C-alpha atoms as a PDB file:
ATOM      1  CA  MET A   1     -14.352 -28.505  10.397  1.00  0.00           C
ATOM      2  CA  LEU A   2     -14.613 -25.895   8.035  1.00  0.00           C
ATOM      3  CA  ASP A   3     -17.921 -27.156   7.346  1.00  0.00           C
ATOM      4  CA  ASN A   4     -19.238 -27.492  10.694  1.00  0.00           C
ATOM      5  CA  ILE A   5     -17.670 -23.628  11.306  1.00  0.00           C
ATOM      6  CA  LYS A   6     -19.755 -22.329   8.198  1.00  0.00           C
ATOM      7  CA  ASN A   7     -23.069 -24.200   9.053  1.00  0.00           C
ATOM      8  CA  ILE A   8     -22.892 -22.550  12.382  1.00  0.00           C
ATOM      9  CA  ILE A   9     -22.087 -19.247  10.591  1.00  0.00           C
ATOM     10  CA  ASP A  10     -25.330 -19.747   8.239  1.00  0.00           C
ATOM     11  CA  GLU A  11     -27.530 -20.697  11.327  1.00  0.00           C
ATOM     12  CA  PHE A  12     -26.646 -17.628  13.247  1.00  0.00           C
ATOM     13  CA  SER A  13     -26.672 -15.016  10.917  1.00  0.00           C
ATOM     14  CA  ASN A  14     -30.059 -16.563   9.835  1.00  0.00           C
ATOM     15  CA  ARG A  15     -31.599 -16.077  13.562  1.00  0.00           C
ATOM     16  CA  CYS A  16     -29.780 -12.505  13.959  1.00  0.00           C
ATOM     17  CA  THR A  17     -31.833  -9.576  13.314  1.00  0.00           C
ATOM     18  CA  TYR A  18     -29.604  -7.867  11.044  1.00  0.00           C
ATOM     19  CA  GLY A  19     -29.697 -10.588   9.347  1.00  0.00           C
ATOM     20  CA  ASN A  20     -26.994 -11.190   6.638  1.00  0.00           C
ATOM     21  CA  ARG A  21     -27.956 -13.756   4.317  1.00  0.00           C
ATOM     22  CA  ASP A  22     -23.915 -14.936   4.380  1.00  0.00           C
ATOM     23  CA  LEU A  23     -22.394 -14.108   7.484  1.00  0.00           C
ATOM     24  CA  SER A  24     -19.094 -15.575   6.081  1.00  0.00           C
ATOM     25  CA  THR A  25     -19.048 -13.578   3.306  1.00  0.00           C
ATOM     26  CA  PHE A  26     -19.868 -10.457   5.105  1.00  0.00           C
ATOM     27  CA  LEU A  27     -16.799 -11.633   7.638  1.00  0.00           C
ATOM     28  CA  LYS A  28     -14.404 -11.997   5.067  1.00  0.00           C
ATOM     29  CA  ILE A  29     -14.982  -8.464   3.865  1.00  0.00           C
ATOM     30  CA  SER A  30     -15.307  -6.773   7.462  1.00  0.00           C
ATOM     31  CA  VAL A  31     -11.557  -8.126   8.276  1.00  0.00           C
ATOM     32  CA  ASN A  32     -10.102  -6.635   5.182  1.00  0.00           C
ATOM     33  CA  TRP A  33     -11.846  -3.496   5.166  1.00  0.00           C
ATOM     34  CA  ASN A  34      -9.403  -1.310   6.083  1.00  0.00           C
ATOM     35  CA  SER A  35      -7.043  -2.887   3.669  1.00  0.00           C
ATOM     36  CA  ILE A  36      -9.838  -2.274   0.821  1.00  0.00           C
ATOM     37  CA  VAL A  37     -10.731   1.220   1.724  1.00  0.00           C
ATOM     38  CA  GLY A  38      -7.771   2.848   3.504  1.00  0.00           C
ATOM     39  CA  ALA A  39      -7.127   4.253   7.148  1.00  0.00           C
ATOM     40  CA  THR A  40      -9.201   7.281   6.355  1.00  0.00           C
ATOM     41  CA  LEU A  41     -12.122   6.335   4.861  1.00  0.00           C
ATOM     42  CA  SER A  42     -12.593   2.964   6.840  1.00  0.00           C
ATOM     43  CA  LYS A  43     -12.926   5.681  10.030  1.00  0.00           C
ATOM     44  CA  ILE A  44     -16.076   7.329   8.401  1.00  0.00           C
ATOM     45  CA  CYS A  45     -17.625   3.922   6.779  1.00  0.00           C
ATOM     46  CA  LYS A  46     -18.107   0.435   7.572  1.00  0.00           C
ATOM     47  CA  PRO A  47     -19.828  -2.469   5.929  1.00  0.00           C
ATOM     48  CA  ILE A  48     -23.079  -3.331   7.831  1.00  0.00           C
ATOM     49  CA  PHE A  49     -24.828  -6.118   5.692  1.00  0.00           C
ATOM     50  CA  TYR A  50     -23.978  -8.206   2.323  1.00  0.00           C
ATOM     51  CA  SER A  51     -26.755  -9.913   0.459  1.00  0.00           C
ATOM     52  CA  ASN A  52     -26.699 -11.536  -3.014  1.00  0.00           C
ATOM     53  CA  GLY A  53     -23.702  -9.578  -3.906  1.00  0.00           C
ATOM     54  CA  ASN A  54     -25.288  -6.283  -2.752  1.00  0.00           C
ATOM     55  CA  LEU A  55     -23.024  -4.820  -0.053  1.00  0.00           C
ATOM     56  CA  THR A  56     -24.371  -2.144   2.275  1.00  0.00           C
ATOM     57  CA  VAL A  57     -22.187   0.375   3.557  1.00  0.00           C
ATOM     58  CA  ILE A  58     -22.796   2.745   7.074  1.00  0.00           C
ATOM     59  CA  VAL A  59     -21.273   5.999   5.985  1.00  0.00           C
ATOM     60  CA  ILE A  60     -20.968   8.906   8.060  1.00  0.00           C
ATOM     61  CA  ASP A  61     -22.966  11.915   6.161  1.00  0.00           C
ATOM     62  CA  ALA A  62     -23.650  12.978   2.148  1.00  0.00           C
ATOM     63  CA  THR A  63     -20.839  13.721   1.496  1.00  0.00           C
ATOM     64  CA  TRP A  64     -18.560  10.746   2.467  1.00  0.00           C
ATOM     65  CA  ALA A  65     -21.471   8.564   0.692  1.00  0.00           C
ATOM     66  CA  ASN A  66     -21.074  10.336  -2.247  1.00  0.00           C
ATOM     67  CA  GLU A  67     -16.837   9.607  -2.069  1.00  0.00           C
ATOM     68  CA  ILE A  68     -17.524   6.275  -1.266  1.00  0.00           C
ATOM     69  CA  MET A  69     -20.264   6.006  -4.366  1.00  0.00           C
ATOM     70  CA  PHE A  70     -17.541   7.400  -6.847  1.00  0.00           C
ATOM     71  CA  PHE A  71     -14.854   5.122  -6.080  1.00  0.00           C
ATOM     72  CA  LYS A  72     -17.643   2.107  -6.014  1.00  0.00           C
ATOM     73  CA  SER A  73     -15.767   0.349  -8.858  1.00  0.00           C
ATOM     74  CA  LYS A  74     -12.629   0.811  -7.299  1.00  0.00           C
ATOM     75  CA  ILE A  75     -13.851  -0.456  -3.568  1.00  0.00           C
ATOM     76  CA  ILE A  76     -15.388  -3.366  -5.370  1.00  0.00           C
ATOM     77  CA  LYS A  77     -12.129  -4.402  -7.491  1.00  0.00           C
ATOM     78  CA  LYS A  78     -10.251  -4.135  -4.369  1.00  0.00           C
ATOM     79  CA  ILE A  79     -12.737  -6.751  -2.935  1.00  0.00           C
ATOM     80  CA  GLU A  80     -12.343  -9.305  -5.485  1.00  0.00           C
ATOM     81  CA  ASP A  81      -8.930  -9.123  -5.488  1.00  0.00           C
ATOM     82  CA  LEU A  82      -8.001  -9.311  -1.178  1.00  0.00           C
ATOM     83  CA  ALA A  83     -11.259 -11.265  -0.491  1.00  0.00           C
ATOM     84  CA  SER A  84     -12.211 -13.364  -3.384  1.00  0.00           C
ATOM     85  CA  ILE A  85     -16.166 -12.270  -3.171  1.00  0.00           C
ATOM     86  CA  ASN A  86     -18.259 -10.669  -6.435  1.00  0.00           C
ATOM     87  CA  ILE A  87     -20.234  -7.799  -5.220  1.00  0.00           C
ATOM     88  CA  LYS A  88     -22.258  -6.713  -7.733  1.00  0.00           C
ATOM     89  CA  ASN A  89     -23.288  -3.375  -5.778  1.00  0.00           C
ATOM     90  CA  ILE A  90     -22.420  -1.163  -3.028  1.00  0.00           C
ATOM     91  CA  ILE A  91     -25.038   0.893  -1.287  1.00  0.00           C
ATOM     92  CA  THR A  92     -24.025   3.522   1.090  1.00  0.00           C
ATOM     93  CA  ARG A  93     -26.957   4.398   4.187  1.00  0.00           C
ATOM     94  CA  ILE A  94     -25.822   7.374   6.404  1.00  0.00           C
ATOM     95  CA  GLY A  95     -25.423   6.554  10.108  1.00  0.00           C
ATOM     96  CA  GLU A  96     -22.940   6.872  12.779  1.00  0.00           C
ATOM     97  CA  ILE A  97     -19.922   4.500  13.043  1.00  0.00           C
ATOM     98  CA  GLU A  98     -19.642   2.522  15.848  1.00  0.00           C
ATOM     99  CA  ASP A  99     -16.714   2.086  17.846  1.00  0.00           C
ATOM    100  CA  THR A 100     -15.988  -1.792  16.907  1.00  0.00           C
ATOM    101  CA  GLU A 101     -13.383  -2.081  19.813  1.00  0.00           C
ATOM    102  CA  ASN A 102     -15.140  -0.466  22.234  1.00  0.00           C
ATOM    103  CA  SER A 103     -18.731  -2.095  21.240  1.00  0.00           C
ATOM    104  CA  LYS A 104     -18.515  -5.292  22.937  1.00  0.00           C
ATOM    105  CA  ASN A 105     -20.519  -4.083  26.266  1.00  0.00           C
ATOM    106  CA  LEU A 106     -24.084  -4.344  23.312  1.00  0.00           C
ATOM    107  CA  ASN A 107     -26.469  -5.960  26.030  1.00  0.00           C
ATOM    108  CA  ASN A 108     -26.575  -5.159  29.990  1.00  0.00           C
ATOM    109  CA  LYS A 109     -23.314  -6.329  31.644  1.00  0.00           C
ATOM    110  CA  ASP A 110     -25.132  -7.533  34.893  1.00  0.00           C
ATOM    111  CA  ASN A 111     -27.208  -9.567  32.248  1.00  0.00           C
ATOM    112  CA  GLU A 112     -23.885 -11.327  30.162  1.00  0.00           C
ATOM    113  CA  ARG A 113     -23.904 -14.927  29.628  1.00  0.00           C
ATOM    114  CA  PHE A 114     -20.664 -15.618  30.244  1.00  0.00           C
ATOM    115  CA  LEU A 115     -18.853 -18.784  28.537  1.00  0.00           C
ATOM    116  CA  THR A 116     -18.065 -21.732  30.216  1.00  0.00           C
ATOM    117  CA  ASP A 117     -14.630 -23.882  30.199  1.00  0.00           C
ATOM    118  CA  ASP A 118     -15.886 -26.228  28.212  1.00  0.00           C
ATOM    119  CA  GLU A 119     -17.333 -23.589  25.161  1.00  0.00           C
ATOM    120  CA  ARG A 120     -13.908 -22.088  25.694  1.00  0.00           C
ATOM    121  CA  VAL A 121     -12.047 -25.139  24.473  1.00  0.00           C
ATOM    122  CA  TRP A 122     -14.445 -25.895  21.621  1.00  0.00           C
ATOM    123  CA  ILE A 123     -14.036 -22.503  20.455  1.00  0.00           C
ATOM    124  CA  ASP A 124     -10.397 -22.318  20.766  1.00  0.00           C
ATOM    125  CA  ASN A 125     -10.586 -25.445  19.246  1.00  0.00           C
ATOM    126  CA  ILE A 126     -12.103 -24.499  15.854  1.00  0.00           C
ATOM    127  CA  ILE A 127      -9.843 -21.918  15.561  1.00  0.00           C
ATOM    128  CA  LYS A 128      -6.199 -23.104  16.647  1.00  0.00           C
ATOM    129  CA  ASP A 129      -5.486 -23.424  13.298  1.00  0.00           C
ATOM    130  CA  ILE A 130      -6.359 -20.133  11.566  1.00  0.00           C
ATOM    131  CA  ASP A 131      -3.139 -18.138  11.052  1.00  0.00           C
ATOM    132  CA  ASP A 132      -5.233 -14.637  11.093  1.00  0.00           C
ATOM    133  CA  ASP A 133      -5.415 -13.156  14.306  1.00  0.00           C
ATOM    134  CA  THR A 134      -8.396 -10.218  13.011  1.00  0.00           C
ATOM    135  CA  LEU A 135     -10.404 -13.316  11.729  1.00  0.00           C
ATOM    136  CA  LYS A 136      -9.582 -15.448  14.345  1.00  0.00           C
ATOM    137  CA  ASN A 137     -10.911 -12.882  17.125  1.00  0.00           C
ATOM    138  CA  LYS A 138     -13.709 -12.167  14.778  1.00  0.00           C
ATOM    139  CA  LEU A 139     -14.837 -15.798  14.446  1.00  0.00           C
ATOM    140  CA  ALA A 140     -14.041 -16.530  18.013  1.00  0.00           C
ATOM    141  CA  ALA A 141     -16.142 -13.488  18.849  1.00  0.00           C
ATOM    142  CA  THR A 142     -18.937 -14.948  16.388  1.00  0.00           C
ATOM    143  CA  LEU A 143     -18.744 -18.547  17.977  1.00  0.00           C
ATOM    144  CA  GLY A 144     -19.096 -17.147  21.373  1.00  0.00           C
ATOM    145  CA  THR A 145     -22.019 -14.624  20.625  1.00  0.00           C
ATOM    146  CA  TYR A 146     -24.015 -18.174  18.752  1.00  0.00           C
ATOM    147  CA  ILE A 147     -23.178 -19.909  22.356  1.00  0.00           C
ATOM    148  CA  LYS A 148     -24.745 -16.967  24.215  1.00  0.00           C
ATOM    149  CA  THR A 149     -27.803 -17.147  22.303  1.00  0.00           C
ATOM    150  CA  GLY A 150     -28.960 -20.458  21.982  1.00  0.00           C
ATOM    151  CA  GLY A 151     -26.260 -22.235  19.352  1.00  0.00           C
ATOM    152  CA  ASP A 152     -25.749 -26.296  20.110  1.00  0.00           C
ATOM    153  CA  ARG A 153     -21.756 -27.147  19.736  1.00  0.00           C
END
């Protein structure tokens, strides 16, 4: 079953415009981000892209980007310790940090496709054995988006 989830995530990540080459790795980093960088830094920077060992992080300004680069080796070590992912490099980009709790309405609400009951049951069956609530919620949201964008179950 986990291979099926990984295949769905990989297919979904290949079809999305942000093009994360390894969405499952990116999700592991995102789920652990607060623990990796701490409460203060997690408010001013977020991971936005992962490919071939390179993690791109969006940061609110150049001062904080410099701070992230100063702690780069510690952040890489924390990622390895918490998520068991080998990061070669961290790249910073200046930009706005999206409020992830309030950014669920990216598309026009009137044109939104809603999941059917069968689709919700399918997602619930996939995520039921995941203990980590954050990971469970992110995977459920990812699978929902996957279905809404034309992915097959």
